[in-house]
Amino acid sequence: MAKQKHGRTYTQRIFEIHRSQRLHWVKYHIDEKTNKKIEIFSTEERINGKKKYRTYIYNLTQKYVVVLEPQRSKTDYYLLSAYYLNKHYGEKKMKKKMKSKLKDIL
């Protein structure tokens, strides 16, 4: 929801309980300690007119996603986001991303 204050428009974030409950899952999934069904894949995306590569760790059972971006050195990653798939950003969008996945994980 966009609001205005002092002539500037800004959006106010809404607290999501699912996001806060699953925050500790990030390291757990990155270390691949889970025995549940997860899908790890990389995609090429256009962001602000630039080609970017993103790596997704998608927990199919818990509906949880961790998004990583490889550093220029290609030895480490930046953590971009981690979120629970809800109605707004659901499984359909993740399945669409999985269809366009790259052959190798970056």
PDB file of N, CA and C in Angstrom:
ATOM      1  N   MET A   1       0.836  -1.158   0.000  1.00  0.00           N
ATOM      2  CA  MET A   1       0.000   0.000   0.000  1.00  0.00           C
ATOM      3  C   MET A   1       0.895   1.240   0.000  1.00  0.00           C
ATOM      4  N   ALA A   2       0.733   2.089  -1.000  1.00  0.00           N
ATOM      5  CA  ALA A   2       1.568   3.282  -1.129  1.00  0.00           C
ATOM      6  C   ALA A   2       1.021   4.400  -0.247  1.00  0.00           C
ATOM      7  N   LYS A   3       1.928   5.075   0.429  1.00  0.00           N
ATOM      8  CA  LYS A   3       1.570   6.205   1.282  1.00  0.00           C
ATOM      9  C   LYS A   3       2.449   7.380   0.913  1.00  0.00           C
ATOM     10  N   GLN A   4       2.017   8.574   1.280  1.00  0.00           N
ATOM     11  CA  GLN A   4       2.814   9.762   1.026  1.00  0.00           C
ATOM     12  C   GLN A   4       3.127  10.463   2.333  1.00  0.00           C
ATOM     13  N   LYS A   5       4.375  10.913   2.423  1.00  0.00           N
ATOM     14  CA  LYS A   5       4.811  11.640   3.600  1.00  0.00           C
ATOM     15  C   LYS A   5       5.863  12.640   3.152  1.00  0.00           C
ATOM     16  N   HIS A   6       5.664  13.897   3.442  1.00  0.00           N
ATOM     17  CA  HIS A   6       6.588  14.963   3.068  1.00  0.00           C
ATOM     18  C   HIS A   6       6.853  14.982   1.560  1.00  0.00           C
ATOM     19  N   GLY A   7       5.818  14.719   0.766  1.00  0.00           N
ATOM     20  CA  GLY A   7       5.950  14.771  -0.686  1.00  0.00           C
ATOM     21  C   GLY A   7       6.587  13.557  -1.322  1.00  0.00           C
ATOM     22  N   ARG A   8       6.906  12.538  -0.544  1.00  0.00           N
ATOM     23  CA  ARG A   8       7.510  11.314  -1.075  1.00  0.00           C
ATOM     24  C   ARG A   8       6.522  10.164  -0.968  1.00  0.00           C
ATOM     25  N   THR A   9       6.534   9.312  -1.972  1.00  0.00           N
ATOM     26  CA  THR A   9       5.693   8.121  -1.955  1.00  0.00           C
ATOM     27  C   THR A   9       6.540   6.940  -1.503  1.00  0.00           C
ATOM     28  N   TYR A  10       6.021   6.173  -0.595  1.00  0.00           N
ATOM     29  CA  TYR A  10       6.738   4.988  -0.138  1.00  0.00           C
ATOM     30  C   TYR A  10       5.732   3.878   0.131  1.00  0.00           C
ATOM     31  N   THR A  11       6.242   2.654   0.141  1.00  0.00           N
ATOM     32  CA  THR A  11       5.385   1.510   0.440  1.00  0.00           C
ATOM     33  C   THR A  11       5.710   1.026   1.847  1.00  0.00           C
ATOM     34  N   GLN A  12       4.688   0.633   2.532  1.00  0.00           N
ATOM     35  CA  GLN A  12       4.858   0.152   3.897  1.00  0.00           C
ATOM     36  C   GLN A  12       4.837  -1.363   3.877  1.00  0.00           C
ATOM     37  N   ARG A  13       5.852  -1.976   4.463  1.00  0.00           N
ATOM     38  CA  ARG A  13       5.909  -3.429   4.525  1.00  0.00           C
ATOM     39  C   ARG A  13       4.904  -3.948   5.534  1.00  0.00           C
ATOM     40  N   ILE A  14       4.341  -5.079   5.204  1.00  0.00           N
ATOM     41  CA  ILE A  14       3.399  -5.748   6.094  1.00  0.00           C
ATOM     42  C   ILE A  14       4.139  -6.914   6.747  1.00  0.00           C
ATOM     43  N   PHE A  15       4.016  -7.024   8.052  1.00  0.00           N
ATOM     44  CA  PHE A  15       4.664  -8.114   8.783  1.00  0.00           C
ATOM     45  C   PHE A  15       4.077  -9.452   8.366  1.00  0.00           C
ATOM     46  N   GLU A  16       4.955 -10.398   8.025  1.00  0.00           N
ATOM     47  CA  GLU A  16       4.521 -11.742   7.647  1.00  0.00           C
ATOM     48  C   GLU A  16       5.044 -12.724   8.688  1.00  0.00           C
ATOM     49  N   ILE A  17       4.149 -13.363   9.388  1.00  0.00           N
ATOM     50  CA  ILE A  17       4.519 -14.289  10.455  1.00  0.00           C
ATOM     51  C   ILE A  17       5.300 -15.480   9.904  1.00  0.00           C
ATOM     52  N   HIS A  18       4.924 -15.978   8.710  1.00  0.00           N
ATOM     53  CA  HIS A  18       5.625 -17.126   8.127  1.00  0.00           C
ATOM     54  C   HIS A  18       7.088 -16.794   7.849  1.00  0.00           C
ATOM     55  N   ARG A  19       7.348 -15.575   7.433  1.00  0.00           N
ATOM     56  CA  ARG A  19       8.723 -15.166   7.138  1.00  0.00           C
ATOM     57  C   ARG A  19       9.584 -15.183   8.397  1.00  0.00           C
ATOM     58  N   SER A  20       9.061 -14.680   9.478  1.00  0.00           N
ATOM     59  CA  SER A  20       9.842 -14.634  10.714  1.00  0.00           C
ATOM     60  C   SER A  20      10.025 -16.017  11.330  1.00  0.00           C
ATOM     61  N   GLN A  21       9.053 -16.885  11.188  1.00  0.00           N
ATOM     62  CA  GLN A  21       9.157 -18.223  11.764  1.00  0.00           C
ATOM     63  C   GLN A  21      10.195 -19.073  11.044  1.00  0.00           C
ATOM     64  N   ARG A  22      10.422 -18.806   9.773  1.00  0.00           N
ATOM     65  CA  ARG A  22      11.323 -19.644   8.986  1.00  0.00           C
ATOM     66  C   ARG A  22      12.682 -19.004   8.718  1.00  0.00           C
ATOM     67  N   LEU A  23      12.998 -17.926   9.373  1.00  0.00           N
ATOM     68  CA  LEU A  23      14.259 -17.235   9.138  1.00  0.00           C
ATOM     69  C   LEU A  23      15.467 -18.112   9.455  1.00  0.00           C
ATOM     70  N   HIS A  24      15.367 -18.941  10.451  1.00  0.00           N
ATOM     71  CA  HIS A  24      16.482 -19.815  10.825  1.00  0.00           C
ATOM     72  C   HIS A  24      16.722 -20.924   9.801  1.00  0.00           C
ATOM     73  N   TRP A  25      15.839 -21.102   8.856  1.00  0.00           N
ATOM     74  CA  TRP A  25      15.981 -22.151   7.851  1.00  0.00           C
ATOM     75  C   TRP A  25      17.038 -21.826   6.804  1.00  0.00           C
ATOM     76  N   VAL A  26      17.449 -20.572   6.692  1.00  0.00           N
ATOM     77  CA  VAL A  26      18.366 -20.168   5.628  1.00  0.00           C
ATOM     78  C   VAL A  26      19.658 -20.979   5.693  1.00  0.00           C
ATOM     79  N   LYS A  27      20.354 -20.946   6.801  1.00  0.00           N
ATOM     80  CA  LYS A  27      21.624 -21.674   6.922  1.00  0.00           C
ATOM     81  C   LYS A  27      21.408 -23.184   6.793  1.00  0.00           C
ATOM     82  N   TYR A  28      20.339 -23.664   7.343  1.00  0.00           N
ATOM     83  CA  TYR A  28      19.994 -25.086   7.277  1.00  0.00           C
ATOM     84  C   TYR A  28      19.895 -25.552   5.819  1.00  0.00           C
ATOM     85  N   HIS A  29      19.271 -24.753   4.976  1.00  0.00           N
ATOM     86  CA  HIS A  29      19.122 -25.116   3.571  1.00  0.00           C
ATOM     87  C   HIS A  29      20.410 -24.897   2.771  1.00  0.00           C
ATOM     88  N   ILE A  30      21.136 -23.840   3.073  1.00  0.00           N
ATOM     89  CA  ILE A  30      22.392 -23.590   2.366  1.00  0.00           C
ATOM     90  C   ILE A  30      23.402 -24.702   2.641  1.00  0.00           C
ATOM     91  N   ASP A  31      23.452 -25.177   3.878  1.00  0.00           N
ATOM     92  CA  ASP A  31      24.349 -26.277   4.237  1.00  0.00           C
ATOM     93  C   ASP A  31      23.834 -27.631   3.760  1.00  0.00           C
ATOM     94  N   GLU A  32      22.637 -27.659   3.187  1.00  0.00           N
ATOM     95  CA  GLU A  32      21.996 -28.876   2.666  1.00  0.00           C
ATOM     96  C   GLU A  32      21.909 -29.970   3.723  1.00  0.00           C
ATOM     97  N   LYS A  33      21.471 -29.593   4.920  1.00  0.00           N
ATOM     98  CA  LYS A  33      21.329 -30.548   6.012  1.00  0.00           C
ATOM     99  C   LYS A  33      19.952 -31.200   6.042  1.00  0.00           C
ATOM    100  N   THR A  34      19.069 -30.761   5.196  1.00  0.00           N
ATOM    101  CA  THR A  34      17.717 -31.297   5.205  1.00  0.00           C
ATOM    102  C   THR A  34      17.646 -32.605   4.424  1.00  0.00           C
ATOM    103  N   ASN A  35      16.825 -33.499   4.878  1.00  0.00           N
ATOM    104  CA  ASN A  35      16.608 -34.745   4.147  1.00  0.00           C
ATOM    105  C   ASN A  35      15.286 -34.702   3.386  1.00  0.00           C
ATOM    106  N   LYS A  36      14.639 -33.559   3.428  1.00  0.00           N
ATOM    107  CA  LYS A  36      13.378 -33.401   2.707  1.00  0.00           C
ATOM    108  C   LYS A  36      13.675 -33.095   1.249  1.00  0.00           C
ATOM    109  N   LYS A  37      12.654 -33.145   0.428  1.00  0.00           N
ATOM    110  CA  LYS A  37      12.824 -32.941  -0.997  1.00  0.00           C
ATOM    111  C   LYS A  37      13.089 -31.464  -1.296  1.00  0.00           C
ATOM    112  N   ILE A  38      14.301 -31.186  -1.806  1.00  0.00           N
ATOM    113  CA  ILE A  38      14.646 -29.824  -2.200  1.00  0.00           C
ATOM    114  C   ILE A  38      15.136 -29.833  -3.643  1.00  0.00           C
ATOM    115  N   GLU A  39      14.947 -28.722  -4.295  1.00  0.00           N
ATOM    116  CA  GLU A  39      15.391 -28.528  -5.674  1.00  0.00           C
ATOM    117  C   GLU A  39      16.352 -27.348  -5.678  1.00  0.00           C
ATOM    118  N   ILE A  40      17.546 -27.550  -6.216  1.00  0.00           N
ATOM    119  CA  ILE A  40      18.540 -26.490  -6.311  1.00  0.00           C
ATOM    120  C   ILE A  40      18.803 -26.255  -7.787  1.00  0.00           C
ATOM    121  N   PHE A  41      18.628 -25.006  -8.233  1.00  0.00           N
ATOM    122  CA  PHE A  41      18.820 -24.689  -9.643  1.00  0.00           C
ATOM    123  C   PHE A  41      19.210 -23.226  -9.809  1.00  0.00           C
ATOM    124  N   SER A  42      19.808 -22.923 -10.958  1.00  0.00           N
ATOM    125  CA  SER A  42      20.190 -21.554 -11.310  1.00  0.00           C
ATOM    126  C   SER A  42      19.421 -21.113 -12.537  1.00  0.00           C
ATOM    127  N   THR A  43      19.127 -19.813 -12.612  1.00  0.00           N
ATOM    128  CA  THR A  43      18.445 -19.238 -13.763  1.00  0.00           C
ATOM    129  C   THR A  43      19.150 -17.958 -14.192  1.00  0.00           C
ATOM    130  N   GLU A  44      18.886 -17.573 -15.437  1.00  0.00           N
ATOM    131  CA  GLU A  44      19.362 -16.301 -15.949  1.00  0.00           C
ATOM    132  C   GLU A  44      18.154 -15.374 -16.009  1.00  0.00           C
ATOM    133  N   GLU A  45      18.271 -14.196 -15.401  1.00  0.00           N
ATOM    134  CA  GLU A  45      17.150 -13.262 -15.330  1.00  0.00           C
ATOM    135  C   GLU A  45      17.589 -11.878 -15.776  1.00  0.00           C
ATOM    136  N   ARG A  46      16.650 -11.099 -16.303  1.00  0.00           N
ATOM    137  CA  ARG A  46      16.905  -9.704 -16.666  1.00  0.00           C
ATOM    138  C   ARG A  46      16.394  -8.827 -15.539  1.00  0.00           C
ATOM    139  N   ILE A  47      17.296  -8.076 -14.925  1.00  0.00           N
ATOM    140  CA  ILE A  47      16.936  -7.188 -13.822  1.00  0.00           C
ATOM    141  C   ILE A  47      17.509  -5.812 -14.139  1.00  0.00           C
ATOM    142  N   ASN A  48      16.609  -4.841 -14.268  1.00  0.00           N
ATOM    143  CA  ASN A  48      16.998  -3.470 -14.636  1.00  0.00           C
ATOM    144  C   ASN A  48      17.835  -3.444 -15.910  1.00  0.00           C
ATOM    145  N   GLY A  49      17.466  -4.270 -16.884  1.00  0.00           N
ATOM    146  CA  GLY A  49      18.151  -4.302 -18.166  1.00  0.00           C
ATOM    147  C   GLY A  49      19.474  -5.039 -18.173  1.00  0.00           C
ATOM    148  N   LYS A  50      19.852  -5.637 -17.064  1.00  0.00           N
ATOM    149  CA  LYS A  50      21.119  -6.369 -16.984  1.00  0.00           C
ATOM    150  C   LYS A  50      20.859  -7.851 -16.780  1.00  0.00           C
ATOM    151  N   LYS A  51      21.744  -8.664 -17.331  1.00  0.00           N
ATOM    152  CA  LYS A  51      21.639 -10.111 -17.175  1.00  0.00           C
ATOM    153  C   LYS A  51      22.212 -10.499 -15.824  1.00  0.00           C
ATOM    154  N   LYS A  52      21.420 -11.187 -15.013  1.00  0.00           N
ATOM    155  CA  LYS A  52      21.852 -11.643 -13.684  1.00  0.00           C
ATOM    156  C   LYS A  52      21.600 -13.142 -13.571  1.00  0.00           C
ATOM    157  N   TYR A  53      22.444 -13.786 -12.817  1.00  0.00           N
ATOM    158  CA  TYR A  53      22.250 -15.204 -12.529  1.00  0.00           C
ATOM    159  C   TYR A  53      21.822 -15.339 -11.076  1.00  0.00           C
ATOM    160  N   ARG A  54      20.830 -16.161 -10.855  1.00  0.00           N
ATOM    161  CA  ARG A  54      20.323 -16.413  -9.509  1.00  0.00           C
ATOM    162  C   ARG A  54      20.282 -17.917  -9.274  1.00  0.00           C
ATOM    163  N   THR A  55      20.616 -18.312  -8.060  1.00  0.00           N
ATOM    164  CA  THR A  55      20.525 -19.713  -7.662  1.00  0.00           C
ATOM    165  C   THR A  55      19.438 -19.825  -6.610  1.00  0.00           C
ATOM    166  N   TYR A  56      18.539 -20.777  -6.803  1.00  0.00           N
ATOM    167  CA  TYR A  56      17.400 -20.981  -5.916  1.00  0.00           C
ATOM    168  C   TYR A  56      17.531 -22.314  -5.200  1.00  0.00           C
ATOM    169  N   ILE A  57      17.253 -22.302  -3.911  1.00  0.00           N
ATOM    170  CA  ILE A  57      17.120 -23.522  -3.121  1.00  0.00           C
ATOM    171  C   ILE A  57      15.661 -23.580  -2.724  1.00  0.00           C
ATOM    172  N   TYR A  58      14.938 -24.528  -3.293  1.00  0.00           N
ATOM    173  CA  TYR A  58      13.482 -24.601  -3.155  1.00  0.00           C
ATOM    174  C   TYR A  58      13.103 -25.864  -2.390  1.00  0.00           C
ATOM    175  N   ASN A  59      12.568 -25.703  -1.191  1.00  0.00           N
ATOM    176  CA  ASN A  59      12.082 -26.819  -0.379  1.00  0.00           C
ATOM    177  C   ASN A  59      10.653 -27.115  -0.826  1.00  0.00           C
ATOM    178  N   LEU A  60      10.469 -28.228  -1.504  1.00  0.00           N
ATOM    179  CA  LEU A  60       9.162 -28.570  -2.074  1.00  0.00           C
ATOM    180  C   LEU A  60       8.125 -28.938  -1.020  1.00  0.00           C
ATOM    181  N   THR A  61       8.562 -29.520   0.091  1.00  0.00           N
ATOM    182  CA  THR A  61       7.594 -29.929   1.116  1.00  0.00           C
ATOM    183  C   THR A  61       7.149 -28.775   2.001  1.00  0.00           C
ATOM    184  N   GLN A  62       8.092 -27.917   2.395  1.00  0.00           N
ATOM    185  CA  GLN A  62       7.760 -26.807   3.290  1.00  0.00           C
ATOM    186  C   GLN A  62       7.418 -25.518   2.551  1.00  0.00           C
ATOM    187  N   LYS A  63       7.544 -25.516   1.214  1.00  0.00           N
ATOM    188  CA  LYS A  63       7.217 -24.337   0.386  1.00  0.00           C
ATOM    189  C   LYS A  63       8.057 -23.131   0.805  1.00  0.00           C
ATOM    190  N   TYR A  64       9.365 -23.328   0.861  1.00  0.00           N
ATOM    191  CA  TYR A  64      10.287 -22.292   1.308  1.00  0.00           C
ATOM    192  C   TYR A  64      11.382 -22.128   0.260  1.00  0.00           C
ATOM    193  N   VAL A  65      11.797 -20.885  -0.014  1.00  0.00           N
ATOM    194  CA  VAL A  65      12.783 -20.592  -1.053  1.00  0.00           C
ATOM    195  C   VAL A  65      13.901 -19.717  -0.489  1.00  0.00           C
ATOM    196  N   VAL A  66      15.146 -20.058  -0.836  1.00  0.00           N
ATOM    197  CA  VAL A  66      16.309 -19.234  -0.530  1.00  0.00           C
ATOM    198  C   VAL A  66      16.887 -18.802  -1.877  1.00  0.00           C
ATOM    199  N   VAL A  67      17.128 -17.492  -2.043  1.00  0.00           N
ATOM    200  CA  VAL A  67      17.635 -16.960  -3.304  1.00  0.00           C
ATOM    201  C   VAL A  67      19.057 -16.452  -3.086  1.00  0.00           C
ATOM    202  N   LEU A  68      19.977 -16.939  -3.921  1.00  0.00           N
ATOM    203  CA  LEU A  68      21.381 -16.567  -3.845  1.00  0.00           C
ATOM    204  C   LEU A  68      21.844 -16.004  -5.185  1.00  0.00           C
ATOM    205  N   GLU A  69      22.845 -15.125  -5.132  1.00  0.00           N
ATOM    206  CA  GLU A  69      23.453 -14.608  -6.355  1.00  0.00           C
ATOM    207  C   GLU A  69      24.953 -14.840  -6.258  1.00  0.00           C
ATOM    208  N   PRO A  70      25.568 -15.456  -7.288  1.00  0.00           N
ATOM    209  CA  PRO A  70      27.007 -15.714  -7.214  1.00  0.00           C
ATOM    210  C   PRO A  70      27.817 -14.419  -7.250  1.00  0.00           C
ATOM    211  N   GLN A  71      28.886 -14.392  -6.474  1.00  0.00           N
ATOM    212  CA  GLN A  71      29.790 -13.247  -6.509  1.00  0.00           C
ATOM    213  C   GLN A  71      30.616 -13.312  -7.788  1.00  0.00           C
ATOM    214  N   ARG A  72      31.276 -12.222  -8.101  1.00  0.00           N
ATOM    215  CA  ARG A  72      32.097 -12.183  -9.322  1.00  0.00           C
ATOM    216  C   ARG A  72      33.196 -13.238  -9.299  1.00  0.00           C
ATOM    217  N   SER A  73      33.686 -13.556  -8.121  1.00  0.00           N
ATOM    218  CA  SER A  73      34.763 -14.550  -7.995  1.00  0.00           C
ATOM    219  C   SER A  73      34.277 -15.966  -8.311  1.00  0.00           C
ATOM    220  N   LYS A  74      32.966 -16.161  -8.308  1.00  0.00           N
ATOM    221  CA  LYS A  74      32.336 -17.473  -8.557  1.00  0.00           C
ATOM    222  C   LYS A  74      32.666 -18.504  -7.485  1.00  0.00           C
ATOM    223  N   THR A  75      33.194 -18.060  -6.329  1.00  0.00           N
ATOM    224  CA  THR A  75      33.494 -18.998  -5.250  1.00  0.00           C
ATOM    225  C   THR A  75      32.501 -18.880  -4.099  1.00  0.00           C
ATOM    226  N   ASP A  76      31.792 -17.764  -4.014  1.00  0.00           N
ATOM    227  CA  ASP A  76      30.837 -17.527  -2.936  1.00  0.00           C
ATOM    228  C   ASP A  76      29.554 -16.935  -3.498  1.00  0.00           C
ATOM    229  N   TYR A  77      28.563 -16.784  -2.597  1.00  0.00           N
ATOM    230  CA  TYR A  77      27.264 -16.248  -2.977  1.00  0.00           C
ATOM    231  C   TYR A  77      26.871 -15.090  -2.068  1.00  0.00           C
ATOM    232  N   TYR A  78      26.032 -14.227  -2.597  1.00  0.00           N
ATOM    233  CA  TYR A  78      25.330 -13.225  -1.792  1.00  0.00           C
ATOM    234  C   TYR A  78      23.954 -13.794  -1.481  1.00  0.00           C
ATOM    235  N   LEU A  79      23.503 -13.628  -0.257  1.00  0.00           N
ATOM    236  CA  LEU A  79      22.144 -14.014   0.111  1.00  0.00           C
ATOM    237  C   LEU A  79      21.233 -12.849  -0.257  1.00  0.00           C
ATOM    238  N   LEU A  80      20.317 -13.082  -1.196  1.00  0.00           N
ATOM    239  CA  LEU A  80      19.406 -12.029  -1.629  1.00  0.00           C
ATOM    240  C   LEU A  80      18.103 -12.042  -0.855  1.00  0.00           C
ATOM    241  N   SER A  81      17.529 -13.231  -0.687  1.00  0.00           N
ATOM    242  CA  SER A  81      16.231 -13.311  -0.033  1.00  0.00           C
ATOM    243  C   SER A  81      15.948 -14.739   0.399  1.00  0.00           C
ATOM    244  N   ALA A  82      15.001 -14.869   1.284  1.00  0.00           N
ATOM    245  CA  ALA A  82      14.482 -16.157   1.708  1.00  0.00           C
ATOM    246  C   ALA A  82      13.031 -15.920   2.077  1.00  0.00           C
ATOM    247  N   TYR A  83      12.134 -16.730   1.557  1.00  0.00           N
ATOM    248  CA  TYR A  83      10.725 -16.475   1.806  1.00  0.00           C
ATOM    249  C   TYR A  83       9.895 -17.744   1.708  1.00  0.00           C
ATOM    250  N   TYR A  84       8.747 -17.671   2.317  1.00  0.00           N
ATOM    251  CA  TYR A  84       7.740 -18.722   2.289  1.00  0.00           C
ATOM    252  C   TYR A  84       6.835 -18.450   1.090  1.00  0.00           C
ATOM    253  N   LEU A  85       6.521 -19.481   0.337  1.00  0.00           N
ATOM    254  CA  LEU A  85       5.624 -19.303  -0.805  1.00  0.00           C
ATOM    255  C   LEU A  85       4.198 -19.148  -0.312  1.00  0.00           C
ATOM    256  N   ASN A  86       3.629 -18.003  -0.567  1.00  0.00           N
ATOM    257  CA  ASN A  86       2.243 -17.753  -0.162  1.00  0.00           C
ATOM    258  C   ASN A  86       1.374 -17.577  -1.411  1.00  0.00           C
ATOM    259  N   LYS A  87       0.179 -17.078  -1.255  1.00  0.00           N
ATOM    260  CA  LYS A  87      -0.727 -16.904  -2.388  1.00  0.00           C
ATOM    261  C   LYS A  87      -0.192 -15.881  -3.381  1.00  0.00           C
ATOM    262  N   HIS A  88       0.466 -14.829  -2.876  1.00  0.00           N
ATOM    263  CA  HIS A  88       0.972 -13.771  -3.756  1.00  0.00           C
ATOM    264  C   HIS A  88       2.125 -14.277  -4.630  1.00  0.00           C
ATOM    265  N   TYR A  89       3.066 -14.960  -4.037  1.00  0.00           N
ATOM    266  CA  TYR A  89       4.198 -15.495  -4.777  1.00  0.00           C
ATOM    267  C   TYR A  89       4.202 -16.993  -4.548  1.00  0.00           C
ATOM    268  N   GLY A  90       3.528 -17.711  -5.405  1.00  0.00           N
ATOM    269  CA  GLY A  90       3.282 -19.111  -5.155  1.00  0.00           C
ATOM    270  C   GLY A  90       4.096 -20.086  -5.977  1.00  0.00           C
ATOM    271  N   GLU A  91       3.617 -21.300  -5.920  1.00  0.00           N
ATOM    272  CA  GLU A  91       4.298 -22.411  -6.577  1.00  0.00           C
ATOM    273  C   GLU A  91       4.315 -22.272  -8.089  1.00  0.00           C
ATOM    274  N   LYS A  92       3.300 -21.640  -8.667  1.00  0.00           N
ATOM    275  CA  LYS A  92       3.262 -21.481 -10.123  1.00  0.00           C
ATOM    276  C   LYS A  92       4.477 -20.716 -10.620  1.00  0.00           C
ATOM    277  N   LYS A  93       4.836 -19.640  -9.922  1.00  0.00           N
ATOM    278  CA  LYS A  93       5.986 -18.830 -10.328  1.00  0.00           C
ATOM    279  C   LYS A  93       7.287 -19.612 -10.171  1.00  0.00           C
ATOM    280  N   MET A  94       7.397 -20.410  -9.129  1.00  0.00           N
ATOM    281  CA  MET A  94       8.609 -21.204  -8.931  1.00  0.00           C
ATOM    282  C   MET A  94       8.723 -22.291 -10.000  1.00  0.00           C
ATOM    283  N   LYS A  95       7.618 -22.910 -10.348  1.00  0.00           N
ATOM    284  CA  LYS A  95       7.649 -23.943 -11.392  1.00  0.00           C
ATOM    285  C   LYS A  95       8.019 -23.332 -12.741  1.00  0.00           C
ATOM    286  N   LYS A  96       7.578 -22.113 -12.982  1.00  0.00           N
ATOM    287  CA  LYS A  96       7.938 -21.414 -14.212  1.00  0.00           C
ATOM    288  C   LYS A  96       9.449 -21.146 -14.242  1.00  0.00           C
ATOM    289  N   LYS A  97      10.005 -20.754 -13.103  1.00  0.00           N
ATOM    290  CA  LYS A  97      11.450 -20.532 -13.015  1.00  0.00           C
ATOM    291  C   LYS A  97      12.219 -21.841 -13.219  1.00  0.00           C
ATOM    292  N   MET A  98      11.678 -22.924 -12.679  1.00  0.00           N
ATOM    293  CA  MET A  98      12.339 -24.217 -12.812  1.00  0.00           C
ATOM    294  C   MET A  98      12.369 -24.685 -14.267  1.00  0.00           C
ATOM    295  N   LYS A  99      11.372 -24.307 -15.043  1.00  0.00           N
ATOM    296  CA  LYS A  99      11.351 -24.680 -16.462  1.00  0.00           C
ATOM    297  C   LYS A  99      12.477 -24.008 -17.235  1.00  0.00           C
ATOM    298  N   SER A 100      12.873 -22.797 -16.783  1.00  0.00           N
ATOM    299  CA  SER A 100      13.931 -22.072 -17.488  1.00  0.00           C
ATOM    300  C   SER A 100      15.287 -22.199 -16.785  1.00  0.00           C
ATOM    301  N   LYS A 101      15.462 -23.257 -16.016  1.00  0.00           N
ATOM    302  CA  LYS A 101      16.716 -23.409 -15.271  1.00  0.00           C
ATOM    303  C   LYS A 101      17.874 -23.734 -16.199  1.00  0.00           C
ATOM    304  N   LEU A 102      19.056 -23.342 -15.767  1.00  0.00           N
ATOM    305  CA  LEU A 102      20.275 -23.608 -16.510  1.00  0.00           C
ATOM    306  C   LEU A 102      20.732 -25.038 -16.301  1.00  0.00           C
ATOM    307  N   LYS A 103      21.561 -25.496 -17.212  1.00  0.00           N
ATOM    308  CA  LYS A 103      22.052 -26.873 -17.127  1.00  0.00           C
ATOM    309  C   LYS A 103      22.934 -27.091 -15.900  1.00  0.00           C
ATOM    310  N   ASP A 104      23.747 -26.093 -15.579  1.00  0.00           N
ATOM    311  CA  ASP A 104      24.652 -26.171 -14.416  1.00  0.00           C
ATOM    312  C   ASP A 104      24.236 -25.189 -13.335  1.00  0.00           C
ATOM    313  N   ILE A 105      24.579 -25.510 -12.107  1.00  0.00           N
ATOM    314  CA  ILE A 105      24.343 -24.588 -10.994  1.00  0.00           C
ATOM    315  C   ILE A 105      25.540 -23.652 -10.910  1.00  0.00           C
ATOM    316  N   LEU A 106      25.278 -22.364 -10.880  1.00  0.00           N
ATOM    317  CA  LEU A 106      26.372 -21.378 -10.832  1.00  0.00           C
ATOM    318  C   LEU A 106      26.784 -21.082  -9.423  1.00  0.00           C
TER     319      LEU A 106
END
